PDB file of N, CA and C in Angstrom:
ATOM      1  N   UNK A   1     -29.714   4.033  30.942  1.00  0.00           N
ATOM      2  CA  UNK A   1     -28.436   3.997  30.295  1.00  0.00           C
ATOM      3  C   UNK A   1     -28.555   5.395  29.696  1.00  0.00           C
ATOM      4  N   UNK A   2     -26.840   5.111  29.859  1.00  0.00           N
ATOM      5  CA  UNK A   2     -26.258   6.896  29.859  1.00  0.00           C
ATOM      6  C   UNK A   2     -25.697   6.650  28.397  1.00  0.00           C
ATOM      7  N   UNK A   3     -25.646   7.844  27.827  1.00  0.00           N
ATOM      8  CA  UNK A   3     -25.351   8.150  26.378  1.00  0.00           C
ATOM      9  C   UNK A   3     -23.565   7.983  26.477  1.00  0.00           C
ATOM     10  N   UNK A   4     -22.533   7.880  25.332  1.00  0.00           N
ATOM     11  CA  UNK A   4     -21.098   7.650  25.564  1.00  0.00           C
ATOM     12  C   UNK A   4     -21.157   9.413  24.875  1.00  0.00           C
ATOM     13  N   UNK A   5     -20.433   9.741  25.529  1.00  0.00           N
ATOM     14  CA  UNK A   5     -19.648  11.302  25.258  1.00  0.00           C
ATOM     15  C   UNK A   5     -19.777  11.012  23.891  1.00  0.00           C
ATOM     16  N   UNK A   6     -19.941  12.181  22.895  1.00  0.00           N
ATOM     17  CA  UNK A   6     -19.601  12.515  21.641  1.00  0.00           C
ATOM     18  C   UNK A   6     -18.074  12.754  21.027  1.00  0.00           C
ATOM     19  N   UNK A   7     -17.117  12.084  19.794  1.00  0.00           N
ATOM     20  CA  UNK A   7     -16.182  12.315  20.156  1.00  0.00           C
ATOM     21  C   UNK A   7     -15.600  13.229  19.508  1.00  0.00           C
ATOM     22  N   UNK A   8     -14.770  14.256  20.103  1.00  0.00           N
ATOM     23  CA  UNK A   8     -14.066  15.533  19.903  1.00  0.00           C
ATOM     24  C   UNK A   8     -13.953  15.540  18.047  1.00  0.00           C
ATOM     25  N   UNK A   9     -14.517  16.475  17.423  1.00  0.00           N
ATOM     26  CA  UNK A   9     -14.770  16.931  16.326  1.00  0.00           C
ATOM     27  C   UNK A   9     -13.092  17.198  15.770  1.00  0.00           C
ATOM     28  N   UNK A  10     -12.162  16.131  14.858  1.00  0.00           N
ATOM     29  CA  UNK A  10     -10.869  16.228  14.591  1.00  0.00           C
ATOM     30  C   UNK A  10     -11.117  16.519  13.434  1.00  0.00           C
ATOM     31  N   UNK A  11     -10.251  17.344  12.746  1.00  0.00           N
ATOM     32  CA  UNK A  11      -9.773  17.541  11.011  1.00  0.00           C
ATOM     33  C   UNK A  11      -9.653  16.633  10.438  1.00  0.00           C
ATOM     34  N   UNK A  12     -10.333  16.889   9.609  1.00  0.00           N
ATOM     35  CA  UNK A  12     -10.574  15.242   8.532  1.00  0.00           C
ATOM     36  C   UNK A  12      -8.532  15.487   7.942  1.00  0.00           C
ATOM     37  N   UNK A  13      -8.190  14.157   7.960  1.00  0.00           N
ATOM     38  CA  UNK A  13      -7.049  13.967   7.531  1.00  0.00           C
ATOM     39  C   UNK A  13      -7.157  14.199   5.921  1.00  0.00           C
ATOM     40  N   UNK A  14      -6.347  14.567   4.917  1.00  0.00           N
ATOM     41  CA  UNK A  14      -6.554  15.106   3.707  1.00  0.00           C
ATOM     42  C   UNK A  14      -4.938  14.961   3.454  1.00  0.00           C
ATOM     43  N   UNK A  15      -4.790  13.366   2.698  1.00  0.00           N
ATOM     44  CA  UNK A  15      -3.521  13.397   2.149  1.00  0.00           C
ATOM     45  C   UNK A  15      -2.888  14.394   0.924  1.00  0.00           C
ATOM     46  N   UNK A  16      -1.700  14.852   0.951  1.00  0.00           N
ATOM     47  CA  UNK A  16      -1.221  15.292  -0.268  1.00  0.00           C
ATOM     48  C   UNK A  16      -1.852  14.205  -1.593  1.00  0.00           C
ATOM     49  N   UNK A  17      -1.324  14.794  -2.767  1.00  0.00           N
ATOM     50  CA  UNK A  17      -1.316  14.736  -3.888  1.00  0.00           C
ATOM     51  C   UNK A  17      -0.166  12.820  -4.249  1.00  0.00           C
ATOM     52  N   UNK A  18       0.909  13.390  -3.525  1.00  0.00           N
ATOM     53  CA  UNK A  18       1.879  12.302  -3.722  1.00  0.00           C
ATOM     54  C   UNK A  18       1.372  11.457  -3.281  1.00  0.00           C
ATOM     55  N   UNK A  19       0.990  11.305  -1.775  1.00  0.00           N
ATOM     56  CA  UNK A  19       0.598  10.411  -1.119  1.00  0.00           C
ATOM     57  C   UNK A  19      -0.748   9.381  -1.966  1.00  0.00           C
ATOM     58  N   UNK A  20      -1.770  10.336  -2.445  1.00  0.00           N
ATOM     59  CA  UNK A  20      -2.516   9.776  -3.013  1.00  0.00           C
ATOM     60  C   UNK A  20      -2.200   8.504  -4.405  1.00  0.00           C
ATOM     61  N   UNK A  21      -1.177   9.261  -4.546  1.00  0.00           N
ATOM     62  CA  UNK A  21      -0.464   8.905  -6.311  1.00  0.00           C
ATOM     63  C   UNK A  21       0.400   7.646  -6.083  1.00  0.00           C
ATOM     64  N   UNK A  22       0.879   7.521  -4.646  1.00  0.00           N
ATOM     65  CA  UNK A  22       2.212   6.445  -4.476  1.00  0.00           C
ATOM     66  C   UNK A  22       1.324   5.036  -4.846  1.00  0.00           C
ATOM     67  N   UNK A  23       0.507   4.777  -4.418  1.00  0.00           N
ATOM     68  CA  UNK A  23      -0.228   3.021  -4.700  1.00  0.00           C
ATOM     69  C   UNK A  23      -0.196   3.148  -6.730  1.00  0.00           C
ATOM     70  N   UNK A  24      -0.569   4.119  -7.275  1.00  0.00           N
ATOM     71  CA  UNK A  24      -0.369   3.942  -8.460  1.00  0.00           C
ATOM     72  C   UNK A  24       0.996   3.749  -8.854  1.00  0.00           C
ATOM     73  N   UNK A  25       1.740   4.519  -8.377  1.00  0.00           N
ATOM     74  CA  UNK A  25       3.529   4.571  -8.796  1.00  0.00           C
ATOM     75  C   UNK A  25       3.999   2.943  -8.590  1.00  0.00           C
ATOM     76  N   UNK A  26       3.759   2.685  -7.507  1.00  0.00           N
ATOM     77  CA  UNK A  26       3.899   1.244  -7.222  1.00  0.00           C
ATOM     78  C   UNK A  26       3.394   0.188  -8.235  1.00  0.00           C
ATOM     79  N   UNK A  27       2.186   0.264  -8.470  1.00  0.00           N
ATOM     80  CA  UNK A  27       1.595  -0.640  -9.504  1.00  0.00           C
ATOM     81  C   UNK A  27       1.884  -0.468 -10.625  1.00  0.00           C
ATOM     82  N   UNK A  28       2.476   0.660 -11.323  1.00  0.00           N
ATOM     83  CA  UNK A  28       3.170   1.216 -12.684  1.00  0.00           C
ATOM     84  C   UNK A  28       4.390   0.147 -12.632  1.00  0.00           C
ATOM     85  N   UNK A  29       4.958   0.884 -11.796  1.00  0.00           N
ATOM     86  CA  UNK A  29       6.503   0.121 -11.344  1.00  0.00           C
ATOM     87  C   UNK A  29       6.452  -1.574 -12.187  1.00  0.00           C
ATOM     88  N   UNK A  30       5.464  -2.391 -11.086  1.00  0.00           N
ATOM     89  CA  UNK A  30       5.188  -3.554 -11.076  1.00  0.00           C
ATOM     90  C   UNK A  30       4.898  -3.745 -12.539  1.00  0.00           C
ATOM     91  N   UNK A  31       4.190  -3.164 -13.084  1.00  0.00           N
ATOM     92  CA  UNK A  31       3.454  -3.091 -14.559  1.00  0.00           C
ATOM     93  C   UNK A  31       4.882  -3.568 -15.495  1.00  0.00           C
ATOM     94  N   UNK A  32       5.720  -2.000 -15.403  1.00  0.00           N
ATOM     95  CA  UNK A  32       6.822  -2.060 -15.944  1.00  0.00           C
ATOM     96  C   UNK A  32       7.982  -3.429 -15.860  1.00  0.00           C
ATOM     97  N   UNK A  33       8.438  -4.198 -14.786  1.00  0.00           N
ATOM     98  CA  UNK A  33       8.551  -5.167 -14.498  1.00  0.00           C
ATOM     99  C   UNK A  33       7.909  -6.138 -14.947  1.00  0.00           C
ATOM    100  N   UNK A  34       6.980  -6.563 -15.025  1.00  0.00           N
ATOM    101  CA  UNK A  34       5.949  -7.506 -15.770  1.00  0.00           C
ATOM    102  C   UNK A  34       6.096  -7.428 -17.469  1.00  0.00           C
ATOM    103  N   UNK A  35       6.155  -6.269 -17.731  1.00  0.00           N
ATOM    104  CA  UNK A  35       5.791  -6.000 -19.487  1.00  0.00           C
ATOM    105  C   UNK A  35       7.697  -5.913 -19.761  1.00  0.00           C
ATOM    106  N   UNK A  36       8.648  -6.085 -18.947  1.00  0.00           N
ATOM    107  CA  UNK A  36       9.846  -6.179 -19.502  1.00  0.00           C
ATOM    108  C   UNK A  36       9.799  -8.075 -19.071  1.00  0.00           C
ATOM    109  N   UNK A  37       9.498  -8.398 -18.069  1.00  0.00           N
ATOM    110  CA  UNK A  37      10.171 -10.158 -17.972  1.00  0.00           C
ATOM    111  C   UNK A  37       9.098 -10.678 -19.080  1.00  0.00           C
ATOM    112  N   UNK A  38       7.860 -10.438 -19.896  1.00  0.00           N
ATOM    113  CA  UNK A  38       7.188 -10.765 -20.925  1.00  0.00           C
ATOM    114  C   UNK A  38       7.677 -10.339 -21.864  1.00  0.00           C
ATOM    115  N   UNK A  39       8.038  -9.332 -22.493  1.00  0.00           N
ATOM    116  CA  UNK A  39       9.050  -9.211 -23.807  1.00  0.00           C
ATOM    117  C   UNK A  39      10.711  -9.575 -23.782  1.00  0.00           C
ATOM    118  N   UNK A  40      11.277 -10.025 -22.601  1.00  0.00           N
ATOM    119  CA  UNK A  40      12.333 -11.088 -22.569  1.00  0.00           C
ATOM    120  C   UNK A  40      12.035 -12.126 -23.214  1.00  0.00           C
ATOM    121  N   UNK A  41      10.892 -13.212 -22.468  1.00  0.00           N
ATOM    122  CA  UNK A  41      10.704 -14.475 -22.831  1.00  0.00           C
ATOM    123  C   UNK A  41       9.822 -14.294 -24.410  1.00  0.00           C
ATOM    124  N   UNK A  42       9.111 -13.065 -24.880  1.00  0.00           N
ATOM    125  CA  UNK A  42       8.907 -13.432 -25.742  1.00  0.00           C
ATOM    126  C   UNK A  42      10.112 -13.067 -27.471  1.00  0.00           C
ATOM    127  N   UNK A  43      11.132 -12.354 -26.843  1.00  0.00           N
ATOM    128  CA  UNK A  43      12.348 -12.376 -27.804  1.00  0.00           C
ATOM    129  C   UNK A  43      12.755 -13.709 -27.769  1.00  0.00           C
ATOM    130  N   UNK A  44      12.856 -14.116 -26.905  1.00  0.00           N
ATOM    131  CA  UNK A  44      13.722 -15.266 -26.652  1.00  0.00           C
ATOM    132  C   UNK A  44      13.428 -17.013 -27.370  1.00  0.00           C
ATOM    133  N   UNK A  45      11.600 -16.522 -26.699  1.00  0.00           N
ATOM    134  CA  UNK A  45      11.068 -18.064 -27.344  1.00  0.00           C
ATOM    135  C   UNK A  45      10.336 -17.644 -28.636  1.00  0.00           C
ATOM    136  N   UNK A  46      10.096 -16.772 -28.838  1.00  0.00           N
ATOM    137  CA  UNK A  46       8.948 -16.220 -29.996  1.00  0.00           C
ATOM    138  C   UNK A  46       7.342 -16.916 -29.580  1.00  0.00           C
ATOM    139  N   UNK A  47       7.117 -17.027 -28.603  1.00  0.00           N
ATOM    140  CA  UNK A  47       6.110 -17.819 -27.992  1.00  0.00           C
ATOM    141  C   UNK A  47       5.259 -16.727 -27.531  1.00  0.00           C
ATOM    142  N   UNK A  48       4.092 -16.344 -28.043  1.00  0.00           N
ATOM    143  CA  UNK A  48       3.391 -15.215 -27.121  1.00  0.00           C
ATOM    144  C   UNK A  48       2.430 -15.614 -26.232  1.00  0.00           C
ATOM    145  N   UNK A  49       1.934 -16.904 -26.162  1.00  0.00           N
ATOM    146  CA  UNK A  49       1.061 -17.046 -24.789  1.00  0.00           C
ATOM    147  C   UNK A  49       2.342 -17.396 -23.610  1.00  0.00           C
ATOM    148  N   UNK A  50       3.624 -17.806 -23.746  1.00  0.00           N
ATOM    149  CA  UNK A  50       4.364 -17.956 -22.696  1.00  0.00           C
ATOM    150  C   UNK A  50       5.063 -16.467 -22.421  1.00  0.00           C
ATOM    151  N   UNK A  51       4.859 -15.803 -23.618  1.00  0.00           N
ATOM    152  CA  UNK A  51       5.587 -14.543 -22.517  1.00  0.00           C
ATOM    153  C   UNK A  51       4.283 -13.594 -22.290  1.00  0.00           C
ATOM    154  N   UNK A  52       3.071 -13.675 -22.377  1.00  0.00           N
ATOM    155  CA  UNK A  52       2.060 -13.416 -21.556  1.00  0.00           C
ATOM    156  C   UNK A  52       1.978 -14.073 -19.997  1.00  0.00           C
ATOM    157  N   UNK A  53       2.492 -15.247 -20.274  1.00  0.00           N
ATOM    158  CA  UNK A  53       2.304 -15.768 -18.620  1.00  0.00           C
ATOM    159  C   UNK A  53       3.447 -15.796 -18.068  1.00  0.00           C
ATOM    160  N   UNK A  54       4.612 -15.343 -18.673  1.00  0.00           N
ATOM    161  CA  UNK A  54       5.757 -14.400 -17.951  1.00  0.00           C
ATOM    162  C   UNK A  54       5.236 -13.235 -17.211  1.00  0.00           C
ATOM    163  N   UNK A  55       4.678 -12.496 -18.424  1.00  0.00           N
ATOM    164  CA  UNK A  55       4.395 -11.238 -17.776  1.00  0.00           C
ATOM    165  C   UNK A  55       3.557 -11.073 -16.980  1.00  0.00           C
ATOM    166  N   UNK A  56       2.479 -12.086 -16.396  1.00  0.00           N
ATOM    167  CA  UNK A  56       1.503 -11.903 -15.737  1.00  0.00           C
ATOM    168  C   UNK A  56       2.072 -12.367 -14.171  1.00  0.00           C
ATOM    169  N   UNK A  57       2.855 -13.459 -14.654  1.00  0.00           N
ATOM    170  CA  UNK A  57       3.917 -13.991 -13.290  1.00  0.00           C
ATOM    171  C   UNK A  57       4.987 -12.566 -12.801  1.00  0.00           C
ATOM    172  N   UNK A  58       6.007 -11.821 -13.679  1.00  0.00           N
ATOM    173  CA  UNK A  58       6.230 -10.831 -12.980  1.00  0.00           C
ATOM    174  C   UNK A  58       5.713  -9.785 -12.577  1.00  0.00           C
ATOM    175  N   UNK A  59       4.453  -9.516 -13.267  1.00  0.00           N
ATOM    176  CA  UNK A  59       4.001  -8.378 -12.396  1.00  0.00           C
ATOM    177  C   UNK A  59       3.291  -8.859 -10.914  1.00  0.00           C
ATOM    178  N   UNK A  60       2.744  -9.969 -11.092  1.00  0.00           N
ATOM    179  CA  UNK A  60       2.447 -10.892  -9.497  1.00  0.00           C
ATOM    180  C   UNK A  60       3.682 -10.512  -8.873  1.00  0.00           C
ATOM    181  N   UNK A  61       5.029 -11.046  -9.177  1.00  0.00           N
ATOM    182  CA  UNK A  61       5.771 -11.416  -8.179  1.00  0.00           C
ATOM    183  C   UNK A  61       6.647  -9.807  -7.284  1.00  0.00           C
ATOM    184  N   UNK A  62       6.268  -8.933  -8.853  1.00  0.00           N
ATOM    185  CA  UNK A  62       7.147  -7.537  -8.351  1.00  0.00           C
ATOM    186  C   UNK A  62       6.024  -6.892  -7.000  1.00  0.00           C
ATOM    187  N   UNK A  63       4.825  -6.892  -7.714  1.00  0.00           N
ATOM    188  CA  UNK A  63       4.029  -6.720  -6.648  1.00  0.00           C
ATOM    189  C   UNK A  63       3.947  -7.003  -5.172  1.00  0.00           C
ATOM    190  N   UNK A  64       4.208  -8.264  -5.169  1.00  0.00           N
ATOM    191  CA  UNK A  64       4.366  -8.291  -3.905  1.00  0.00           C
ATOM    192  C   UNK A  64       5.483  -8.048  -3.217  1.00  0.00           C
ATOM    193  N   UNK A  65       6.521  -8.288  -3.689  1.00  0.00           N
ATOM    194  CA  UNK A  65       7.783  -7.897  -3.032  1.00  0.00           C
ATOM    195  C   UNK A  65       7.854  -6.334  -2.996  1.00  0.00           C
ATOM    196  N   UNK A  66       6.706  -5.715  -4.121  1.00  0.00           N
ATOM    197  CA  UNK A  66       7.289  -3.861  -3.766  1.00  0.00           C
ATOM    198  C   UNK A  66       6.282  -3.768  -2.483  1.00  0.00           C
ATOM    199  N   UNK A  67       5.023  -4.641  -1.840  1.00  0.00           N
ATOM    200  CA  UNK A  67       4.109  -4.877  -0.451  1.00  0.00           C
ATOM    201  C   UNK A  67       4.540  -5.217   0.278  1.00  0.00           C
ATOM    202  N   UNK A  68       6.163  -6.036   0.117  1.00  0.00           N
ATOM    203  CA  UNK A  68       6.716  -6.475   1.208  1.00  0.00           C
ATOM    204  C   UNK A  68       7.344  -5.784   1.944  1.00  0.00           C
ATOM    205  N   UNK A  69       7.778  -4.934   0.633  1.00  0.00           N
ATOM    206  CA  UNK A  69       9.187  -3.885   1.146  1.00  0.00           C
ATOM    207  C   UNK A  69       7.982  -2.706   1.852  1.00  0.00           C
ATOM    208  N   UNK A  70       7.427  -2.436   1.427  1.00  0.00           N
ATOM    209  CA  UNK A  70       6.407  -1.338   2.066  1.00  0.00           C
ATOM    210  C   UNK A  70       5.850  -1.842   3.316  1.00  0.00           C
ATOM    211  N   UNK A  71       5.569  -2.719   3.906  1.00  0.00           N
ATOM    212  CA  UNK A  71       5.541  -3.468   4.920  1.00  0.00           C
ATOM    213  C   UNK A  71       6.773  -3.197   6.139  1.00  0.00           C
ATOM    214  N   UNK A  72       7.798  -3.008   5.499  1.00  0.00           N
ATOM    215  CA  UNK A  72       9.236  -3.319   6.482  1.00  0.00           C
ATOM    216  C   UNK A  72       9.376  -1.794   6.548  1.00  0.00           C
ATOM    217  N   UNK A  73       8.806  -1.184   6.182  1.00  0.00           N
ATOM    218  CA  UNK A  73       9.194   0.367   6.516  1.00  0.00           C
ATOM    219  C   UNK A  73       8.456   0.573   7.823  1.00  0.00           C
ATOM    220  N   UNK A  74       9.497   1.425   8.552  1.00  0.00           N
ATOM    221  CA  UNK A  74       9.297   1.844   9.574  1.00  0.00           C
ATOM    222  C   UNK A  74       8.319   3.290   9.368  1.00  0.00           C
ATOM    223  N   UNK A  75       6.799   3.239  10.306  1.00  0.00           N
ATOM    224  CA  UNK A  75       5.906   4.401  10.172  1.00  0.00           C
ATOM    225  C   UNK A  75       6.264   5.907  10.938  1.00  0.00           C
ATOM    226  N   UNK A  76       6.020   6.708   9.884  1.00  0.00           N
ATOM    227  CA  UNK A  76       6.391   7.960  10.514  1.00  0.00           C
ATOM    228  C   UNK A  76       5.606   8.298  11.779  1.00  0.00           C
ATOM    229  N   UNK A  77       6.134   9.257  12.592  1.00  0.00           N
ATOM    230  CA  UNK A  77       5.804  10.159  13.234  1.00  0.00           C
ATOM    231  C   UNK A  77       4.380  10.469  13.333  1.00  0.00           C
ATOM    232  N   UNK A  78       3.504  10.719  12.525  1.00  0.00           N
ATOM    233  CA  UNK A  78       2.806  11.294  12.342  1.00  0.00           C
ATOM    234  C   UNK A  78       1.632  10.042  12.110  1.00  0.00           C
ATOM    235  N   UNK A  79       2.205   8.955  11.700  1.00  0.00           N
ATOM    236  CA  UNK A  79       1.287   7.379  11.967  1.00  0.00           C
ATOM    237  C   UNK A  79       1.318   6.824  13.139  1.00  0.00           C
ATOM    238  N   UNK A  80       2.315   6.893  13.630  1.00  0.00           N
ATOM    239  CA  UNK A  80       2.255   6.727  15.159  1.00  0.00           C
ATOM    240  C   UNK A  80       1.348   7.357  16.103  1.00  0.00           C
ATOM    241  N   UNK A  81       1.371   8.908  16.062  1.00  0.00           N
ATOM    242  CA  UNK A  81       0.543   9.738  16.839  1.00  0.00           C
ATOM    243  C   UNK A  81      -0.879   9.698  16.516  1.00  0.00           C
ATOM    244  N   UNK A  82      -1.078   9.065  15.062  1.00  0.00           N
ATOM    245  CA  UNK A  82      -2.703   8.803  15.143  1.00  0.00           C
ATOM    246  C   UNK A  82      -3.481   7.414  15.384  1.00  0.00           C
ATOM    247  N   UNK A  83      -2.265   6.209  15.237  1.00  0.00           N
ATOM    248  CA  UNK A  83      -2.347   5.356  15.968  1.00  0.00           C
ATOM    249  C   UNK A  83      -2.842   5.115  17.379  1.00  0.00           C
ATOM    250  N   UNK A  84      -2.103   6.349  18.257  1.00  0.00           N
ATOM    251  CA  UNK A  84      -2.197   6.183  19.481  1.00  0.00           C
ATOM    252  C   UNK A  84      -3.479   7.026  19.755  1.00  0.00           C
ATOM    253  N   UNK A  85      -4.138   8.417  18.868  1.00  0.00           N
ATOM    254  CA  UNK A  85      -5.127   8.460  19.283  1.00  0.00           C
ATOM    255  C   UNK A  85      -6.347   7.322  18.732  1.00  0.00           C
ATOM    256  N   UNK A  86      -6.469   6.578  18.165  1.00  0.00           N
ATOM    257  CA  UNK A  86      -7.270   5.509  17.664  1.00  0.00           C
ATOM    258  C   UNK A  86      -7.292   4.602  18.955  1.00  0.00           C
ATOM    259  N   UNK A  87      -6.371   4.123  19.633  1.00  0.00           N
ATOM    260  CA  UNK A  87      -6.224   2.884  20.545  1.00  0.00           C
ATOM    261  C   UNK A  87      -6.832   3.774  22.128  1.00  0.00           C
ATOM    262  N   UNK A  88      -6.754   5.071  22.534  1.00  0.00           N
ATOM    263  CA  UNK A  88      -7.256   5.580  23.757  1.00  0.00           C
ATOM    264  C   UNK A  88      -7.637   6.665  23.198  1.00  0.00           C
ATOM    265  N   UNK A  89      -9.194   6.798  24.305  1.00  0.00           N
ATOM    266  CA  UNK A  89      -9.944   7.988  23.938  1.00  0.00           C
ATOM    267  C   UNK A  89      -9.037   8.742  25.504  1.00  0.00           C
ATOM    268  N   UNK A  90      -9.836  10.100  24.825  1.00  0.00           N
ATOM    269  CA  UNK A  90      -9.130  11.358  25.841  1.00  0.00           C
ATOM    270  C   UNK A  90      -9.621  11.211  27.145  1.00  0.00           C
ATOM    271  N   UNK A  91     -10.575  10.620  27.464  1.00  0.00           N
ATOM    272  CA  UNK A  91     -11.394  10.773  28.740  1.00  0.00           C
ATOM    273  C   UNK A  91     -10.871   9.617  29.866  1.00  0.00           C
ATOM    274  N   UNK A  92     -10.458   8.728  28.854  1.00  0.00           N
ATOM    275  CA  UNK A  92     -10.573   7.369  29.862  1.00  0.00           C
ATOM    276  C   UNK A  92      -9.455   6.759  29.724  1.00  0.00           C
ATOM    277  N   UNK A  93      -8.439   6.917  30.728  1.00  0.00           N
ATOM    278  CA  UNK A  93      -7.165   6.213  30.585  1.00  0.00           C
ATOM    279  C   UNK A  93      -6.817   4.859  29.974  1.00  0.00           C
ATOM    280  N   UNK A  94      -7.879   4.262  31.219  1.00  0.00           N
ATOM    281  CA  UNK A  94      -7.990   2.291  31.071  1.00  0.00           C
ATOM    282  C   UNK A  94      -8.745   2.013  29.703  1.00  0.00           C
ATOM    283  N   UNK A  95      -8.960   2.200  28.909  1.00  0.00           N
ATOM    284  CA  UNK A  95      -9.717   2.283  27.714  1.00  0.00           C
ATOM    285  C   UNK A  95      -9.845   0.712  27.444  1.00  0.00           C
ATOM    286  N   UNK A  96      -8.792   0.215  27.461  1.00  0.00           N
ATOM    287  CA  UNK A  96      -8.718  -1.950  26.603  1.00  0.00           C
ATOM    288  C   UNK A  96      -8.826  -2.226  27.948  1.00  0.00           C
TER     289      UNK A  96
END
């Protein structure tokens, strides 16, 4: 049996600090929207349990909407280049 050739050493991709903190920013934004919904319901009904329920619902709905908007964005050129590298090795043109 022949051994497949070792893949070429590629420089590891190190995301910037902003790229690493982006998910935390989105979760924080969703948390703020959830707290806002919970506080509005709490101030209008004076029911703590109902306010907590709406806080949770607001958080989940806002995080789902943020995720859907993020999926709808066009990938950058760096992402497209990285996907091409993953789809086809350098030594075989008809890999798939």
